[in-house]
Every structure is written in C-alpha cells, then in structure tokens.
Amino acid sequence: MKYLDRAALAQVLTDGIAQMQITVSPAQQEQLLDYLSLMNKWNSVYNLTSLRDPMQMVTHHLLDSLAAVPAFAGAKNVLDVGAGGGLPGIVLAICRPDMKVAMIDTVHKKTAFLKQVKAELELHNVSVHTMKVQELVVSEKFDVITSRAFADLTDFLNWSGHLLLEGGKFIALKGVAPAEEQQRIPDQWKVTGLQPLQVPKLGAERHLVFVERSPANTP
C-alpha cells in the first residue's frame, strides 16, 4: 500500500476539477479522496486496479470518471455494468447524491469493496449486485446504463439491453473512439453521439459513446 499524501492529492484533484469546469463541492471532494484512500488500502489484497501510485489513481480514475459526470445531467436511475472498483459508479454517486446508482460485477471481492465504500462513505443512493448483468432482474428499469472499459459495445448492449427504460440511453466510457465497434452494433440500436473528453494530466484519448434504441424499435 502506497503512502497517501492527502494534501498533494487534494491539490491535483482540485486543479483538475477547475480545469474541467465542473461543479464538485468541497465535501464531495473529501469523499472522493476518502474513496481513493479505501481503494489504495484494499488494492494490495483485492487487486482492484493495476495502478499502485495514488497520484495516478487521481488522474486515471477520479478525474477520468469526473470528466463524464456532466453527460449524466438529468439521469435519475443509473446502472454501472462491470463496475469493478466503482468507476464511474462511485464517482457518480458522490457527485450526484440525488441520483440512484446501481453497480453490478461478477467478482465477489470487488462487490465486497463496493459495499464497504457504500457503508463508510454513507452513500445511501448506491446499490450493489454480484451476478452477471444478463441475469439481473429489476422492478424499476434504468434511464442510463453505463460502463467503463467493460466490453465490446455489442456485448454491452446485448447483455444489458433488457434493463434499459424506454427512451433511455447507454453511455459507454471508452479510450480510442471505437469505429469498428460502432459499425457492428445490432440493428435495434443506434449510436447517437460520440464525445471526446479532455482529462487533465492524463495524456490519453477518452471518449463517451451514446447509444439509444433505433426509432423502428421504439414503441
């Protein structure tokens, strides 16, 4: 477990948020740092992320997920598929306490970590599921389903499409804009937008891919 210089990490986080011109309250920034601290602590045993340097975790995990937060404006009930260590789900839950965030992963140690984060950070808007997304049944479908580096777009849509509310959308967090993936998606879905993200200090391509039901498949 790497030593956390919280003041230095806080400065990078604050500067990055300012550069991206997004609104994150001081209390929410403290929660984000608490989350990073938990990830750093659990990572040595649970291997939540390949990154071991907390400063890299700020840029590659926190700022990377924060860059996507504005795209969820208006969302009320979100599912993060293949949530892993909670990116972007935990970040969304912290920044949007008014929004329900469900996270699902098949790996028990990862969902155990997510439940610990929920408890320690008192994130009352979070729910955690341990299973394949294909097997998830819910009483209330989601208006947005998201994932970060989870799977090929076609698999993502096929596996979780049954959970999307009519009129809802997928928001996939990707690295390089996946042109081939977009072309291969099933006919009942349509890519409606591709948004490049500028993540401070990251130095790598990031994109959001927006997908909705094709008009012919919308009742």
C-alpha atoms as a PDB file:
ATOM      1  CA  MET A   1       0.000   0.000   0.000  1.00  0.00           C
ATOM      2  CA  LYS A   2       1.458   3.326  -1.100  1.00  0.00           C
ATOM      3  CA  TYR A   3       1.662   6.250   1.324  1.00  0.00           C
ATOM      4  CA  LEU A   4      -1.067   8.842   0.730  1.00  0.00           C
ATOM      5  CA  ASP A   5      -0.013  12.475   0.727  1.00  0.00           C
ATOM      6  CA  ARG A   6      -3.587  13.683   1.022  1.00  0.00           C
ATOM      7  CA  ALA A   7      -2.765  17.381   0.632  1.00  0.00           C
ATOM      8  CA  ALA A   8      -0.883  16.779  -2.627  1.00  0.00           C
ATOM      9  CA  LEU A   9      -3.623  14.504  -3.958  1.00  0.00           C
ATOM     10  CA  ALA A  10      -6.271  17.059  -2.990  1.00  0.00           C
ATOM     11  CA  GLN A  11      -4.425  19.779  -4.908  1.00  0.00           C
ATOM     12  CA  VAL A  12      -4.261  17.710  -8.114  1.00  0.00           C
ATOM     13  CA  LEU A  13      -7.937  16.802  -7.751  1.00  0.00           C
ATOM     14  CA  THR A  14      -8.966  20.422  -7.135  1.00  0.00           C
ATOM     15  CA  ASP A  15      -6.875  21.711 -10.048  1.00  0.00           C
ATOM     16  CA  GLY A  16      -8.288  19.044 -12.383  1.00  0.00           C
ATOM     17  CA  ILE A  17     -11.865  19.826 -11.425  1.00  0.00           C
ATOM     18  CA  ALA A  18     -11.223  23.529 -12.048  1.00  0.00           C
ATOM     19  CA  GLN A  19      -9.685  22.798 -15.466  1.00  0.00           C
ATOM     20  CA  MET A  20     -12.704  20.724 -16.480  1.00  0.00           C
ATOM     21  CA  GLN A  21     -15.052  23.428 -15.177  1.00  0.00           C
ATOM     22  CA  ILE A  22     -17.321  21.001 -13.369  1.00  0.00           C
ATOM     23  CA  THR A  23     -19.064  21.563 -10.051  1.00  0.00           C
ATOM     24  CA  VAL A  24     -17.880  19.369  -7.180  1.00  0.00           C
ATOM     25  CA  SER A  25     -18.384  20.679  -3.647  1.00  0.00           C
ATOM     26  CA  PRO A  26     -15.538  20.635  -1.093  1.00  0.00           C
ATOM     27  CA  ALA A  27     -17.421  17.945   0.859  1.00  0.00           C
ATOM     28  CA  GLN A  28     -17.719  15.814  -2.290  1.00  0.00           C
ATOM     29  CA  GLN A  29     -14.005  16.267  -2.989  1.00  0.00           C
ATOM     30  CA  GLU A  30     -13.268  14.981   0.510  1.00  0.00           C
ATOM     31  CA  GLN A  31     -15.485  11.963  -0.179  1.00  0.00           C
ATOM     32  CA  LEU A  32     -13.605  11.304  -3.424  1.00  0.00           C
ATOM     33  CA  LEU A  33     -10.313  11.339  -1.517  1.00  0.00           C
ATOM     34  CA  ASP A  34     -11.789   9.023   1.132  1.00  0.00           C
ATOM     35  CA  TYR A  35     -12.794   6.667  -1.686  1.00  0.00           C
ATOM     36  CA  LEU A  36      -9.296   6.803  -3.161  1.00  0.00           C
ATOM     37  CA  SER A  37      -7.850   6.068   0.264  1.00  0.00           C
ATOM     38  CA  LEU A  38     -10.044   2.974   0.588  1.00  0.00           C
ATOM     39  CA  MET A  39      -9.090   1.839  -2.900  1.00  0.00           C
ATOM     40  CA  ASN A  40      -5.417   2.268  -2.066  1.00  0.00           C
ATOM     41  CA  LYS A  41      -5.874   0.302   1.169  1.00  0.00           C
ATOM     42  CA  TRP A  42      -7.835  -2.602  -0.349  1.00  0.00           C
ATOM     43  CA  ASN A  43      -5.838  -2.744  -3.579  1.00  0.00           C
ATOM     44  CA  SER A  44      -2.862  -4.608  -2.106  1.00  0.00           C
ATOM     45  CA  VAL A  45      -5.082  -7.587  -1.264  1.00  0.00           C
ATOM     46  CA  TYR A  46      -8.002  -7.322  -3.683  1.00  0.00           C
ATOM     47  CA  ASN A  47      -6.189  -6.105  -6.819  1.00  0.00           C
ATOM     48  CA  LEU A  48      -8.925  -3.603  -7.683  1.00  0.00           C
ATOM     49  CA  THR A  49      -6.703  -1.724 -10.128  1.00  0.00           C
ATOM     50  CA  SER A  50      -3.338  -2.294 -11.753  1.00  0.00           C
ATOM     51  CA  LEU A  51      -2.326   1.201 -10.660  1.00  0.00           C
ATOM     52  CA  ARG A  52      -0.359   1.372  -7.416  1.00  0.00           C
ATOM     53  CA  ASP A  53       0.537   5.065  -7.339  1.00  0.00           C
ATOM     54  CA  PRO A  54      -2.196   7.151  -5.617  1.00  0.00           C
ATOM     55  CA  MET A  55      -1.327  10.178  -7.752  1.00  0.00           C
ATOM     56  CA  GLN A  56      -2.007   8.113 -10.887  1.00  0.00           C
ATOM     57  CA  MET A  57      -5.273   6.989  -9.325  1.00  0.00           C
ATOM     58  CA  VAL A  58      -6.346  10.627  -9.090  1.00  0.00           C
ATOM     59  CA  THR A  59      -5.784  11.282 -12.791  1.00  0.00           C
ATOM     60  CA  HIS A  60      -6.570   7.879 -14.323  1.00  0.00           C
ATOM     61  CA  HIS A  61      -9.531   7.051 -12.080  1.00  0.00           C
ATOM     62  CA  LEU A  62     -11.047  10.059 -10.310  1.00  0.00           C
ATOM     63  CA  LEU A  63     -10.531  12.773 -12.936  1.00  0.00           C
ATOM     64  CA  ASP A  64     -11.204  10.309 -15.754  1.00  0.00           C
ATOM     65  CA  SER A  65     -14.600   9.430 -14.256  1.00  0.00           C
ATOM     66  CA  LEU A  66     -15.353  13.026 -13.234  1.00  0.00           C
ATOM     67  CA  ALA A  67     -14.954  14.122 -16.855  1.00  0.00           C
ATOM     68  CA  ALA A  68     -18.002  12.004 -17.714  1.00  0.00           C
ATOM     69  CA  VAL A  69     -20.255  13.319 -14.928  1.00  0.00           C
ATOM     70  CA  PRO A  70     -21.825  16.208 -16.952  1.00  0.00           C
ATOM     71  CA  ALA A  71     -23.102  13.661 -19.511  1.00  0.00           C
ATOM     72  CA  PHE A  72     -25.380  12.241 -16.797  1.00  0.00           C
ATOM     73  CA  ALA A  73     -27.267  15.507 -16.261  1.00  0.00           C
ATOM     74  CA  GLY A  74     -30.946  14.689 -15.884  1.00  0.00           C
ATOM     75  CA  ALA A  75     -30.339  10.984 -15.198  1.00  0.00           C
ATOM     76  CA  LYS A  76     -32.281   9.616 -12.224  1.00  0.00           C
ATOM     77  CA  ASN A  77     -31.528   5.888 -12.104  1.00  0.00           C
ATOM     78  CA  VAL A  78     -28.186   4.631 -13.427  1.00  0.00           C
ATOM     79  CA  LEU A  79     -26.634   1.169 -13.743  1.00  0.00           C
ATOM     80  CA  ASP A  80     -22.836   0.760 -13.899  1.00  0.00           C
ATOM     81  CA  VAL A  81     -22.084  -2.594 -15.574  1.00  0.00           C
ATOM     82  CA  GLY A  82     -18.826  -4.344 -14.756  1.00  0.00           C
ATOM     83  CA  ALA A  83     -18.335  -1.779 -12.021  1.00  0.00           C
ATOM     84  CA  GLY A  84     -15.064  -3.261 -10.759  1.00  0.00           C
ATOM     85  CA  GLY A  85     -13.668  -0.931  -8.124  1.00  0.00           C
ATOM     86  CA  GLY A  86     -16.511   1.552  -8.642  1.00  0.00           C
ATOM     87  CA  LEU A  87     -15.560   3.578 -11.690  1.00  0.00           C
ATOM     88  CA  PRO A  88     -17.530   5.525 -12.718  1.00  0.00           C
ATOM     89  CA  GLY A  89     -20.339   4.375 -10.371  1.00  0.00           C
ATOM     90  CA  ILE A  90     -18.948   5.539  -7.027  1.00  0.00           C
ATOM     91  CA  VAL A  91     -17.794   8.843  -8.526  1.00  0.00           C
ATOM     92  CA  LEU A  92     -21.274   9.406  -9.992  1.00  0.00           C
ATOM     93  CA  ALA A  93     -22.910   8.535  -6.670  1.00  0.00           C
ATOM     94  CA  ILE A  94     -20.716  11.013  -4.793  1.00  0.00           C
ATOM     95  CA  CYS A  95     -21.223  13.855  -7.273  1.00  0.00           C
ATOM     96  CA  ARG A  96     -24.946  13.223  -7.786  1.00  0.00           C
ATOM     97  CA  PRO A  97     -26.495  12.292  -4.432  1.00  0.00           C
ATOM     98  CA  ASP A  98     -29.913  12.961  -5.996  1.00  0.00           C
ATOM     99  CA  MET A  99     -29.411  10.100  -8.468  1.00  0.00           C
ATOM    100  CA  LYS A 100     -29.741   6.365  -7.756  1.00  0.00           C
ATOM    101  CA  VAL A 101     -26.661   4.381  -8.804  1.00  0.00           C
ATOM    102  CA  ALA A 102     -26.684   0.591  -9.036  1.00  0.00           C
ATOM    103  CA  MET A 103     -23.418  -1.259  -9.656  1.00  0.00           C
ATOM    104  CA  ILE A 104     -23.019  -4.823 -10.828  1.00  0.00           C
ATOM    105  CA  ASP A 105     -19.987  -7.099 -11.103  1.00  0.00           C
ATOM    106  CA  THR A 106     -19.460 -10.861 -11.121  1.00  0.00           C
ATOM    107  CA  VAL A 107     -16.362 -10.719  -8.883  1.00  0.00           C
ATOM    108  CA  HIS A 108     -17.301 -11.065  -5.206  1.00  0.00           C
ATOM    109  CA  LYS A 109     -14.193  -9.336  -3.850  1.00  0.00           C
ATOM    110  CA  LYS A 110     -14.947  -6.264  -5.982  1.00  0.00           C
ATOM    111  CA  THR A 111     -18.575  -6.040  -4.887  1.00  0.00           C
ATOM    112  CA  ALA A 112     -17.449  -6.565  -1.273  1.00  0.00           C
ATOM    113  CA  PHE A 113     -15.238  -3.494  -1.700  1.00  0.00           C
ATOM    114  CA  LEU A 114     -18.114  -1.510  -3.222  1.00  0.00           C
ATOM    115  CA  LYS A 115     -20.350  -2.397  -0.269  1.00  0.00           C
ATOM    116  CA  GLN A 116     -17.595  -1.268   2.107  1.00  0.00           C
ATOM    117  CA  VAL A 117     -17.287   2.055   0.267  1.00  0.00           C
ATOM    118  CA  LYS A 118     -21.069   2.486   0.388  1.00  0.00           C
ATOM    119  CA  ALA A 119     -21.047   1.909   4.156  1.00  0.00           C
ATOM    120  CA  GLU A 120     -18.010   4.018   5.056  1.00  0.00           C
ATOM    121  CA  LEU A 121     -18.958   6.956   2.822  1.00  0.00           C
ATOM    122  CA  GLU A 122     -22.661   6.632   3.735  1.00  0.00           C
ATOM    123  CA  LEU A 123     -23.753   6.581   0.101  1.00  0.00           C
ATOM    124  CA  HIS A 124     -27.467   5.978   0.557  1.00  0.00           C
ATOM    125  CA  ASN A 125     -28.119   6.250  -3.202  1.00  0.00           C
ATOM    126  CA  VAL A 126     -25.981   3.171  -4.013  1.00  0.00           C
ATOM    127  CA  SER A 127     -26.978  -0.472  -4.503  1.00  0.00           C
ATOM    128  CA  VAL A 128     -24.591  -3.316  -5.344  1.00  0.00           C
ATOM    129  CA  HIS A 129     -25.283  -6.600  -7.190  1.00  0.00           C
ATOM    130  CA  THR A 130     -22.999  -9.622  -7.526  1.00  0.00           C
ATOM    131  CA  MET A 131     -24.007 -11.506 -10.685  1.00  0.00           C
ATOM    132  CA  LYS A 132     -23.920 -11.434 -14.472  1.00  0.00           C
ATOM    133  CA  VAL A 133     -25.821  -8.468 -15.860  1.00  0.00           C
ATOM    134  CA  GLN A 134     -27.719 -10.849 -18.178  1.00  0.00           C
ATOM    135  CA  GLU A 135     -29.295 -12.384 -15.056  1.00  0.00           C
ATOM    136  CA  LEU A 136     -30.244  -9.150 -13.303  1.00  0.00           C
ATOM    137  CA  VAL A 137     -33.970  -8.546 -12.846  1.00  0.00           C
ATOM    138  CA  VAL A 138     -35.194  -5.202 -11.509  1.00  0.00           C
ATOM    139  CA  SER A 139     -38.588  -3.725 -10.670  1.00  0.00           C
ATOM    140  CA  GLU A 140     -37.528  -0.328 -11.996  1.00  0.00           C
ATOM    141  CA  LYS A 141     -35.542  -0.131 -15.216  1.00  0.00           C
ATOM    142  CA  PHE A 142     -32.683   2.327 -15.701  1.00  0.00           C
ATOM    143  CA  ASP A 143     -32.779   5.548 -17.711  1.00  0.00           C
ATOM    144  CA  VAL A 144     -28.993   5.354 -18.222  1.00  0.00           C
ATOM    145  CA  ILE A 145     -26.756   2.292 -18.342  1.00  0.00           C
ATOM    146  CA  THR A 146     -23.016   2.928 -18.322  1.00  0.00           C
ATOM    147  CA  SER A 147     -19.723   1.050 -18.323  1.00  0.00           C
ATOM    148  CA  ARG A 148     -16.044   1.889 -18.323  1.00  0.00           C
ATOM    149  CA  ALA A 149     -13.760  -0.383 -20.344  1.00  0.00           C
ATOM    150  CA  PHE A 150     -16.206  -3.229 -19.706  1.00  0.00           C
ATOM    151  CA  ALA A 151     -16.730  -4.995 -23.034  1.00  0.00           C
ATOM    152  CA  ASP A 152     -17.247  -4.648 -26.759  1.00  0.00           C
ATOM    153  CA  LEU A 153     -20.217  -2.357 -27.451  1.00  0.00           C
ATOM    154  CA  THR A 154     -22.257  -5.194 -28.995  1.00  0.00           C
ATOM    155  CA  ASP A 155     -21.815  -7.404 -25.930  1.00  0.00           C
ATOM    156  CA  PHE A 156     -22.575  -4.478 -23.624  1.00  0.00           C
ATOM    157  CA  LEU A 157     -25.847  -3.774 -25.460  1.00  0.00           C
ATOM    158  CA  ASN A 158     -26.905  -7.415 -25.849  1.00  0.00           C
ATOM    159  CA  TRP A 159     -26.217  -8.293 -22.219  1.00  0.00           C
ATOM    160  CA  SER A 160     -27.854  -5.298 -20.566  1.00  0.00           C
ATOM    161  CA  GLY A 161     -30.407  -4.003 -23.081  1.00  0.00           C
ATOM    162  CA  HIS A 162     -33.302  -5.681 -21.212  1.00  0.00           C
ATOM    163  CA  LEU A 163     -32.651  -3.341 -18.274  1.00  0.00           C
ATOM    164  CA  LEU A 164     -32.965  -0.067 -20.217  1.00  0.00           C
ATOM    165  CA  LEU A 165     -36.063   2.062 -19.788  1.00  0.00           C
ATOM    166  CA  GLU A 166     -37.953   3.048 -22.949  1.00  0.00           C
ATOM    167  CA  GLY A 167     -36.380   6.322 -24.073  1.00  0.00           C
ATOM    168  CA  GLY A 168     -33.250   5.605 -22.046  1.00  0.00           C
ATOM    169  CA  LYS A 169     -29.667   5.570 -23.279  1.00  0.00           C
ATOM    170  CA  PHE A 170     -26.336   3.867 -22.894  1.00  0.00           C
ATOM    171  CA  ILE A 171     -23.220   5.893 -22.105  1.00  0.00           C
ATOM    172  CA  ALA A 172     -20.047   3.861 -22.654  1.00  0.00           C
ATOM    173  CA  LEU A 173     -16.728   5.261 -21.413  1.00  0.00           C
ATOM    174  CA  LYS A 174     -14.094   4.301 -23.952  1.00  0.00           C
ATOM    175  CA  GLY A 175     -10.496   5.138 -24.776  1.00  0.00           C
ATOM    176  CA  VAL A 176      -9.945   5.495 -28.515  1.00  0.00           C
ATOM    177  CA  ALA A 177     -13.188   6.131 -30.417  1.00  0.00           C
ATOM    178  CA  PRO A 178     -14.221   2.585 -31.413  1.00  0.00           C
ATOM    179  CA  ALA A 179     -15.304   2.986 -35.058  1.00  0.00           C
ATOM    180  CA  GLU A 180     -15.420  -0.754 -35.771  1.00  0.00           C
ATOM    181  CA  GLU A 181     -17.403  -1.439 -32.598  1.00  0.00           C
ATOM    182  CA  GLN A 182     -19.933   1.213 -33.583  1.00  0.00           C
ATOM    183  CA  GLN A 183     -20.422  -0.315 -37.019  1.00  0.00           C
ATOM    184  CA  ARG A 184     -21.027  -3.800 -35.604  1.00  0.00           C
ATOM    185  CA  ILE A 185     -23.795  -2.979 -33.128  1.00  0.00           C
ATOM    186  CA  PRO A 186     -27.159  -4.746 -33.629  1.00  0.00           C
ATOM    187  CA  ASP A 187     -29.801  -3.079 -35.799  1.00  0.00           C
ATOM    188  CA  GLN A 188     -32.094  -2.331 -32.879  1.00  0.00           C
ATOM    189  CA  TRP A 189     -29.531   0.127 -31.504  1.00  0.00           C
ATOM    190  CA  LYS A 190     -28.168   3.383 -32.883  1.00  0.00           C
ATOM    191  CA  VAL A 191     -25.086   5.396 -31.926  1.00  0.00           C
ATOM    192  CA  THR A 192     -26.470   8.881 -31.298  1.00  0.00           C
ATOM    193  CA  GLY A 193     -23.309  10.656 -30.201  1.00  0.00           C
ATOM    194  CA  LEU A 194     -19.561  10.477 -29.715  1.00  0.00           C
ATOM    195  CA  GLN A 195     -17.990  12.932 -27.288  1.00  0.00           C
ATOM    196  CA  PRO A 196     -14.228  13.334 -26.779  1.00  0.00           C
ATOM    197  CA  LEU A 197     -13.186  14.050 -23.205  1.00  0.00           C
ATOM    198  CA  GLN A 198     -10.255  16.150 -22.081  1.00  0.00           C
ATOM    199  CA  VAL A 199      -8.898  14.726 -18.839  1.00  0.00           C
ATOM    200  CA  PRO A 200      -6.207  16.889 -17.158  1.00  0.00           C
ATOM    201  CA  LYS A 201      -2.767  15.245 -16.902  1.00  0.00           C
ATOM    202  CA  LEU A 202      -3.988  12.020 -18.487  1.00  0.00           C
ATOM    203  CA  GLY A 203      -2.356  12.316 -21.899  1.00  0.00           C
ATOM    204  CA  ALA A 204      -4.572   9.663 -23.489  1.00  0.00           C
ATOM    205  CA  GLU A 205      -7.684   9.617 -25.652  1.00  0.00           C
ATOM    206  CA  ARG A 206     -11.031   9.321 -23.888  1.00  0.00           C
ATOM    207  CA  HIS A 207     -14.487   9.244 -25.466  1.00  0.00           C
ATOM    208  CA  LEU A 208     -18.094   8.800 -24.457  1.00  0.00           C
ATOM    209  CA  VAL A 209     -20.255   6.743 -26.812  1.00  0.00           C
ATOM    210  CA  PHE A 210     -24.012   7.369 -26.605  1.00  0.00           C
ATOM    211  CA  VAL A 211     -26.379   4.642 -27.821  1.00  0.00           C
ATOM    212  CA  GLU A 212     -30.176   4.571 -27.946  1.00  0.00           C
ATOM    213  CA  ARG A 213     -32.821   2.295 -29.434  1.00  0.00           C
ATOM    214  CA  SER A 214     -33.315   2.735 -33.170  1.00  0.00           C
ATOM    215  CA  PRO A 215     -36.567   4.594 -33.984  1.00  0.00           C
ATOM    216  CA  ALA A 216     -38.045   1.415 -35.529  1.00  0.00           C
ATOM    217  CA  ASN A 217     -37.558  -0.356 -32.191  1.00  0.00           C
ATOM    218  CA  THR A 218     -39.084   2.355 -30.032  1.00  0.00           C
ATOM    219  CA  PRO A 219     -42.787   1.756 -29.296  1.00  0.00           C
END
